Amino acid sequence: MSTGWRIEVDTDRCIGSGSCVGMAPAHFRMESGLAAPVSATVEENEAVIDAAESCPVEAIAVRDDDGTVIAPS
């Protein structure tokens, strides 16, 4: 049984562009100028993939419940 996807933001890489918040505001927010997931786990959602893929520095990783990276590809 899938527990959904895990969202991780590498705060050392994040430059605070906010593109993830613009693409998936239900899943990302800005904290102290950097991106942060609203929740560490989410239901499978294409907007989360789009946000990870659009990050200019690939600071967002989306993983399935066995740890396999789904995005960015």
PDB file of N, CA and C in Angstrom:
ATOM      1  N   MET A   1       0.842  -1.186   0.000  1.00  0.00           N
ATOM      2  CA  MET A   1       0.000   0.000   0.000  1.00  0.00           C
ATOM      3  C   MET A   1       0.887   1.249   0.000  1.00  0.00           C
ATOM      4  N   SER A   2       0.675   2.142  -0.936  1.00  0.00           N
ATOM      5  CA  SER A   2       1.465   3.350  -1.053  1.00  0.00           C
ATOM      6  C   SER A   2       1.067   4.366   0.014  1.00  0.00           C
ATOM      7  N   THR A   3       2.075   5.008   0.577  1.00  0.00           N
ATOM      8  CA  THR A   3       1.824   6.071   1.546  1.00  0.00           C
ATOM      9  C   THR A   3       1.914   7.434   0.887  1.00  0.00           C
ATOM     10  N   GLY A   4       2.028   7.460  -0.429  1.00  0.00           N
ATOM     11  CA  GLY A   4       2.145   8.713  -1.167  1.00  0.00           C
ATOM     12  C   GLY A   4       3.593   9.026  -1.481  1.00  0.00           C
ATOM     13  N   TRP A   5       3.839  10.268  -1.810  1.00  0.00           N
ATOM     14  CA  TRP A   5       5.175  10.720  -2.161  1.00  0.00           C
ATOM     15  C   TRP A   5       5.767  11.540  -1.035  1.00  0.00           C
ATOM     16  N   ARG A   6       7.089  11.516  -0.923  1.00  0.00           N
ATOM     17  CA  ARG A   6       7.800  12.367   0.032  1.00  0.00           C
ATOM     18  C   ARG A   6       8.431  13.529  -0.733  1.00  0.00           C
ATOM     19  N   ILE A   7       8.293  14.718  -0.176  1.00  0.00           N
ATOM     20  CA  ILE A   7       8.900  15.913  -0.761  1.00  0.00           C
ATOM     21  C   ILE A   7      10.055  16.342   0.127  1.00  0.00           C
ATOM     22  N   GLU A   8      11.209  16.555  -0.497  1.00  0.00           N
ATOM     23  CA  GLU A   8      12.383  17.036   0.225  1.00  0.00           C
ATOM     24  C   GLU A   8      12.909  18.274  -0.484  1.00  0.00           C
ATOM     25  N   VAL A   9      13.252  19.300   0.296  1.00  0.00           N
ATOM     26  CA  VAL A   9      13.873  20.502  -0.257  1.00  0.00           C
ATOM     27  C   VAL A   9      15.263  20.626   0.351  1.00  0.00           C
ATOM     28  N   ASP A  10      16.268  20.662  -0.509  1.00  0.00           N
ATOM     29  CA  ASP A  10      17.648  20.840  -0.072  1.00  0.00           C
ATOM     30  C   ASP A  10      17.867  22.337   0.138  1.00  0.00           C
ATOM     31  N   THR A  11      17.832  22.767   1.393  1.00  0.00           N
ATOM     32  CA  THR A  11      17.934  24.198   1.691  1.00  0.00           C
ATOM     33  C   THR A  11      19.323  24.756   1.394  1.00  0.00           C
ATOM     34  N   ASP A  12      20.312  23.894   1.264  1.00  0.00           N
ATOM     35  CA  ASP A  12      21.644  24.361   0.871  1.00  0.00           C
ATOM     36  C   ASP A  12      21.693  24.719  -0.609  1.00  0.00           C
ATOM     37  N   ARG A  13      20.826  24.103  -1.400  1.00  0.00           N
ATOM     38  CA  ARG A  13      20.790  24.369  -2.845  1.00  0.00           C
ATOM     39  C   ARG A  13      19.744  25.406  -3.214  1.00  0.00           C
ATOM     40  N   CYS A  14      18.668  25.494  -2.428  1.00  0.00           N
ATOM     41  CA  CYS A  14      17.547  26.376  -2.753  1.00  0.00           C
ATOM     42  C   CYS A  14      18.008  27.830  -2.832  1.00  0.00           C
ATOM     43  N   ILE A  15      17.577  28.527  -3.893  1.00  0.00           N
ATOM     44  CA  ILE A  15      17.910  29.944  -4.056  1.00  0.00           C
ATOM     45  C   ILE A  15      16.689  30.833  -3.831  1.00  0.00           C
ATOM     46  N   GLY A  16      15.563  30.231  -3.462  1.00  0.00           N
ATOM     47  CA  GLY A  16      14.373  31.006  -3.147  1.00  0.00           C
ATOM     48  C   GLY A  16      13.675  31.620  -4.338  1.00  0.00           C
ATOM     49  N   SER A  17      13.745  30.971  -5.491  1.00  0.00           N
ATOM     50  CA  SER A  17      13.101  31.527  -6.687  1.00  0.00           C
ATOM     51  C   SER A  17      11.577  31.563  -6.557  1.00  0.00           C
ATOM     52  N   GLY A  18      11.021  30.644  -5.779  1.00  0.00           N
ATOM     53  CA  GLY A  18       9.577  30.617  -5.570  1.00  0.00           C
ATOM     54  C   GLY A  18       8.786  29.972  -6.690  1.00  0.00           C
ATOM     55  N   SER A  19       9.462  29.413  -7.677  1.00  0.00           N
ATOM     56  CA  SER A  19       8.729  28.798  -8.785  1.00  0.00           C
ATOM     57  C   SER A  19       7.868  27.634  -8.297  1.00  0.00           C
ATOM     58  N   CYS A  20       8.346  26.911  -7.293  1.00  0.00           N
ATOM     59  CA  CYS A  20       7.572  25.784  -6.759  1.00  0.00           C
ATOM     60  C   CYS A  20       6.274  26.273  -6.109  1.00  0.00           C
ATOM     61  N   VAL A  21       6.349  27.398  -5.404  1.00  0.00           N
ATOM     62  CA  VAL A  21       5.160  27.964  -4.762  1.00  0.00           C
ATOM     63  C   VAL A  21       4.171  28.421  -5.826  1.00  0.00           C
ATOM     64  N   GLY A  22       4.687  29.002  -6.891  1.00  0.00           N
ATOM     65  CA  GLY A  22       3.822  29.442  -7.982  1.00  0.00           C
ATOM     66  C   GLY A  22       3.135  28.287  -8.693  1.00  0.00           C
ATOM     67  N   MET A  23       3.841  27.172  -8.837  1.00  0.00           N
ATOM     68  CA  MET A  23       3.291  26.028  -9.563  1.00  0.00           C
ATOM     69  C   MET A  23       2.429  25.121  -8.693  1.00  0.00           C
ATOM     70  N   ALA A  24       2.764  25.017  -7.417  1.00  0.00           N
ATOM     71  CA  ALA A  24       2.047  24.098  -6.523  1.00  0.00           C
ATOM     72  C   ALA A  24       1.874  24.742  -5.138  1.00  0.00           C
ATOM     73  N   PRO A  25       1.093  25.817  -5.067  1.00  0.00           N
ATOM     74  CA  PRO A  25       0.966  26.546  -3.796  1.00  0.00           C
ATOM     75  C   PRO A  25       0.348  25.730  -2.666  1.00  0.00           C
ATOM     76  N   ALA A  26      -0.361  24.682  -2.984  1.00  0.00           N
ATOM     77  CA  ALA A  26      -0.929  23.825  -1.935  1.00  0.00           C
ATOM     78  C   ALA A  26       0.134  22.922  -1.313  1.00  0.00           C
ATOM     79  N   HIS A  27       1.297  22.834  -1.968  1.00  0.00           N
ATOM     80  CA  HIS A  27       2.319  21.891  -1.528  1.00  0.00           C
ATOM     81  C   HIS A  27       3.633  22.535  -1.090  1.00  0.00           C
ATOM     82  N   PHE A  28       3.854  23.800  -1.475  1.00  0.00           N
ATOM     83  CA  PHE A  28       5.091  24.497  -1.119  1.00  0.00           C
ATOM     84  C   PHE A  28       4.776  25.879  -0.570  1.00  0.00           C
ATOM     85  N   ARG A  29       5.651  26.342   0.324  1.00  0.00           N
ATOM     86  CA  ARG A  29       5.550  27.701   0.862  1.00  0.00           C
ATOM     87  C   ARG A  29       6.974  28.235   1.014  1.00  0.00           C
ATOM     88  N   MET A  30       7.083  29.517   1.212  1.00  0.00           N
ATOM     89  CA  MET A  30       8.384  30.130   1.455  1.00  0.00           C
ATOM     90  C   MET A  30       8.550  30.344   2.951  1.00  0.00           C
ATOM     91  N   GLU A  31       9.716  29.982   3.473  1.00  0.00           N
ATOM     92  CA  GLU A  31      10.077  30.185   4.878  1.00  0.00           C
ATOM     93  C   GLU A  31      11.462  30.807   4.915  1.00  0.00           C
ATOM     94  N   SER A  32      11.569  31.985   5.475  1.00  0.00           N
ATOM     95  CA  SER A  32      12.857  32.683   5.580  1.00  0.00           C
ATOM     96  C   SER A  32      13.552  32.776   4.227  1.00  0.00           C
ATOM     97  N   GLY A  33      12.772  33.000   3.167  1.00  0.00           N
ATOM     98  CA  GLY A  33      13.322  33.177   1.833  1.00  0.00           C
ATOM     99  C   GLY A  33      13.638  31.907   1.076  1.00  0.00           C
ATOM    100  N   LEU A  34      13.345  30.751   1.668  1.00  0.00           N
ATOM    101  CA  LEU A  34      13.609  29.470   1.005  1.00  0.00           C
ATOM    102  C   LEU A  34      12.333  28.645   0.901  1.00  0.00           C
ATOM    103  N   ALA A  35      12.303  27.753  -0.062  1.00  0.00           N
ATOM    104  CA  ALA A  35      11.147  26.873  -0.241  1.00  0.00           C
ATOM    105  C   ALA A  35      11.090  25.826   0.862  1.00  0.00           C
ATOM    106  N   ALA A  36       9.872  25.459   1.218  1.00  0.00           N
ATOM    107  CA  ALA A  36       9.644  24.388   2.191  1.00  0.00           C
ATOM    108  C   ALA A  36       8.363  23.664   1.801  1.00  0.00           C
ATOM    109  N   PRO A  37       8.334  22.350   1.995  1.00  0.00           N
ATOM    110  CA  PRO A  37       7.086  21.635   1.707  1.00  0.00           C
ATOM    111  C   PRO A  37       6.042  21.962   2.773  1.00  0.00           C
ATOM    112  N   VAL A  38       4.793  22.073   2.360  1.00  0.00           N
ATOM    113  CA  VAL A  38       3.698  22.272   3.310  1.00  0.00           C
ATOM    114  C   VAL A  38       3.566  21.027   4.178  1.00  0.00           C
ATOM    115  N   SER A  39       3.736  19.863   3.548  1.00  0.00           N
ATOM    116  CA  SER A  39       3.702  18.589   4.248  1.00  0.00           C
ATOM    117  C   SER A  39       4.804  17.708   3.668  1.00  0.00           C
ATOM    118  N   ALA A  40       5.443  16.906   4.498  1.00  0.00           N
ATOM    119  CA  ALA A  40       6.533  16.044   4.027  1.00  0.00           C
ATOM    120  C   ALA A  40       6.033  14.942   3.105  1.00  0.00           C
ATOM    121  N   THR A  41       4.786  14.538   3.253  1.00  0.00           N
ATOM    122  CA  THR A  41       4.206  13.524   2.368  1.00  0.00           C
ATOM    123  C   THR A  41       2.954  14.080   1.706  1.00  0.00           C
ATOM    124  N   VAL A  42       2.756  13.687   0.467  1.00  0.00           N
ATOM    125  CA  VAL A  42       1.598  14.143  -0.302  1.00  0.00           C
ATOM    126  C   VAL A  42       1.038  12.988  -1.111  1.00  0.00           C
ATOM    127  N   GLU A  43      -0.216  13.100  -1.459  1.00  0.00           N
ATOM    128  CA  GLU A  43      -0.794  12.173  -2.427  1.00  0.00           C
ATOM    129  C   GLU A  43      -0.127  12.436  -3.775  1.00  0.00           C
ATOM    130  N   GLU A  44      -0.078  11.442  -4.629  1.00  0.00           N
ATOM    131  CA  GLU A  44       0.500  11.627  -5.956  1.00  0.00           C
ATOM    132  C   GLU A  44      -0.217  12.771  -6.651  1.00  0.00           C
ATOM    133  N   ASN A  45       0.574  13.721  -7.192  1.00  0.00           N
ATOM    134  CA  ASN A  45       0.005  14.932  -7.759  1.00  0.00           C
ATOM    135  C   ASN A  45       0.962  15.474  -8.816  1.00  0.00           C
ATOM    136  N   GLU A  46       0.462  15.687 -10.004  1.00  0.00           N
ATOM    137  CA  GLU A  46       1.298  16.150 -11.115  1.00  0.00           C
ATOM    138  C   GLU A  46       1.903  17.530 -10.842  1.00  0.00           C
ATOM    139  N   ALA A  47       1.209  18.375 -10.080  1.00  0.00           N
ATOM    140  CA  ALA A  47       1.736  19.711  -9.772  1.00  0.00           C
ATOM    141  C   ALA A  47       3.026  19.625  -8.969  1.00  0.00           C
ATOM    142  N   VAL A  48       3.144  18.629  -8.103  1.00  0.00           N
ATOM    143  CA  VAL A  48       4.363  18.438  -7.309  1.00  0.00           C
ATOM    144  C   VAL A  48       5.522  18.066  -8.235  1.00  0.00           C
ATOM    145  N   ILE A  49       5.265  17.206  -9.194  1.00  0.00           N
ATOM    146  CA  ILE A  49       6.286  16.830 -10.180  1.00  0.00           C
ATOM    147  C   ILE A  49       6.704  18.053 -10.986  1.00  0.00           C
ATOM    148  N   ASP A  50       5.724  18.821 -11.461  1.00  0.00           N
ATOM    149  CA  ASP A  50       6.027  20.020 -12.247  1.00  0.00           C
ATOM    150  C   ASP A  50       6.871  21.000 -11.454  1.00  0.00           C
ATOM    151  N   ALA A  51       6.558  21.167 -10.173  1.00  0.00           N
ATOM    152  CA  ALA A  51       7.323  22.081  -9.327  1.00  0.00           C
ATOM    153  C   ALA A  51       8.767  21.612  -9.172  1.00  0.00           C
ATOM    154  N   ALA A  52       8.958  20.325  -8.935  1.00  0.00           N
ATOM    155  CA  ALA A  52      10.314  19.787  -8.796  1.00  0.00           C
ATOM    156  C   ALA A  52      11.093  19.932 -10.103  1.00  0.00           C
ATOM    157  N   GLU A  53      10.432  19.652 -11.204  1.00  0.00           N
ATOM    158  CA  GLU A  53      11.086  19.746 -12.509  1.00  0.00           C
ATOM    159  C   GLU A  53      11.423  21.191 -12.874  1.00  0.00           C
ATOM    160  N   SER A  54      10.663  22.154 -12.371  1.00  0.00           N
ATOM    161  CA  SER A  54      10.880  23.549 -12.731  1.00  0.00           C
ATOM    162  C   SER A  54      11.886  24.257 -11.829  1.00  0.00           C
ATOM    163  N   CYS A  55      12.299  23.628 -10.738  1.00  0.00           N
ATOM    164  CA  CYS A  55      13.253  24.259  -9.831  1.00  0.00           C
ATOM    165  C   CYS A  55      14.558  24.524 -10.589  1.00  0.00           C
ATOM    166  N   PRO A  56      15.003  25.790 -10.625  1.00  0.00           N
ATOM    167  CA  PRO A  56      16.196  26.105 -11.429  1.00  0.00           C
ATOM    168  C   PRO A  56      17.486  25.480 -10.909  1.00  0.00           C
ATOM    169  N   VAL A  57      17.519  25.066  -9.651  1.00  0.00           N
ATOM    170  CA  VAL A  57      18.738  24.465  -9.100  1.00  0.00           C
ATOM    171  C   VAL A  57      18.517  23.021  -8.636  1.00  0.00           C
ATOM    172  N   GLU A  58      17.388  22.429  -9.010  1.00  0.00           N
ATOM    173  CA  GLU A  58      17.046  21.051  -8.650  1.00  0.00           C
ATOM    174  C   GLU A  58      17.181  20.805  -7.148  1.00  0.00           C
ATOM    175  N   ALA A  59      16.630  21.731  -6.347  1.00  0.00           N
ATOM    176  CA  ALA A  59      16.682  21.612  -4.894  1.00  0.00           C
ATOM    177  C   ALA A  59      15.551  20.759  -4.338  1.00  0.00           C
ATOM    178  N   ILE A  60      14.586  20.403  -5.173  1.00  0.00           N
ATOM    179  CA  ILE A  60      13.429  19.629  -4.726  1.00  0.00           C
ATOM    180  C   ILE A  60      13.560  18.197  -5.223  1.00  0.00           C
ATOM    181  N   ALA A  61      13.348  17.251  -4.315  1.00  0.00           N
ATOM    182  CA  ALA A  61      13.300  15.841  -4.693  1.00  0.00           C
ATOM    183  C   ALA A  61      11.943  15.285  -4.281  1.00  0.00           C
ATOM    184  N   VAL A  62      11.331  14.557  -5.188  1.00  0.00           N
ATOM    185  CA  VAL A  62      10.079  13.858  -4.904  1.00  0.00           C
ATOM    186  C   VAL A  62      10.402  12.373  -4.977  1.00  0.00           C
ATOM    187  N   ARG A  63      10.091  11.658  -3.897  1.00  0.00           N
ATOM    188  CA  ARG A  63      10.408  10.229  -3.822  1.00  0.00           C
ATOM    189  C   ARG A  63       9.147   9.423  -3.544  1.00  0.00           C
ATOM    190  N   ASP A  64       9.123   8.183  -4.067  1.00  0.00           N
ATOM    191  CA  ASP A  64       8.017   7.303  -3.742  1.00  0.00           C
ATOM    192  C   ASP A  64       8.317   6.627  -2.417  1.00  0.00           C
ATOM    193  N   ASP A  65       7.405   5.752  -1.960  1.00  0.00           N
ATOM    194  CA  ASP A  65       7.545   5.200  -0.607  1.00  0.00           C
ATOM    195  C   ASP A  65       8.727   4.249  -0.454  1.00  0.00           C
ATOM    196  N   ASP A  66       9.367   3.818  -1.545  1.00  0.00           N
ATOM    197  CA  ASP A  66      10.570   2.995  -1.376  1.00  0.00           C
ATOM    198  C   ASP A  66      11.848   3.813  -1.555  1.00  0.00           C
ATOM    199  N   GLY A  67      11.702   5.143  -1.695  1.00  0.00           N
ATOM    200  CA  GLY A  67      12.850   6.031  -1.779  1.00  0.00           C
ATOM    201  C   GLY A  67      13.321   6.361  -3.178  1.00  0.00           C
ATOM    202  N   THR A  68      12.700   5.763  -4.186  1.00  0.00           N
ATOM    203  CA  THR A  68      13.087   6.030  -5.574  1.00  0.00           C
ATOM    204  C   THR A  68      12.720   7.459  -5.950  1.00  0.00           C
ATOM    205  N   VAL A  69      13.669   8.180  -6.555  1.00  0.00           N
ATOM    206  CA  VAL A  69      13.413   9.552  -6.986  1.00  0.00           C
ATOM    207  C   VAL A  69      12.479   9.542  -8.188  1.00  0.00           C
ATOM    208  N   ILE A  70      11.381  10.267  -8.055  1.00  0.00           N
ATOM    209  CA  ILE A  70      10.409  10.417  -9.132  1.00  0.00           C
ATOM    210  C   ILE A  70      10.715  11.676  -9.927  1.00  0.00           C
ATOM    211  N   ALA A  71      11.106  12.736  -9.223  1.00  0.00           N
ATOM    212  CA  ALA A  71      11.441  14.003  -9.868  1.00  0.00           C
ATOM    213  C   ALA A  71      12.477  14.704  -9.009  1.00  0.00           C
ATOM    214  N   PRO A  72      13.376  15.448  -9.609  1.00  0.00           N
ATOM    215  CA  PRO A  72      13.477  15.638 -11.056  1.00  0.00           C
ATOM    216  C   PRO A  72      14.080  14.420 -11.733  1.00  0.00           C
ATOM    217  N   SER A  73      13.743  14.289 -13.000  1.00  0.00           N
ATOM    218  CA  SER A  73      14.246  13.124 -13.742  1.00  0.00           C
ATOM    219  C   SER A  73      15.558  13.443 -14.405  1.00  0.00           C
TER     220      SER A  73
END
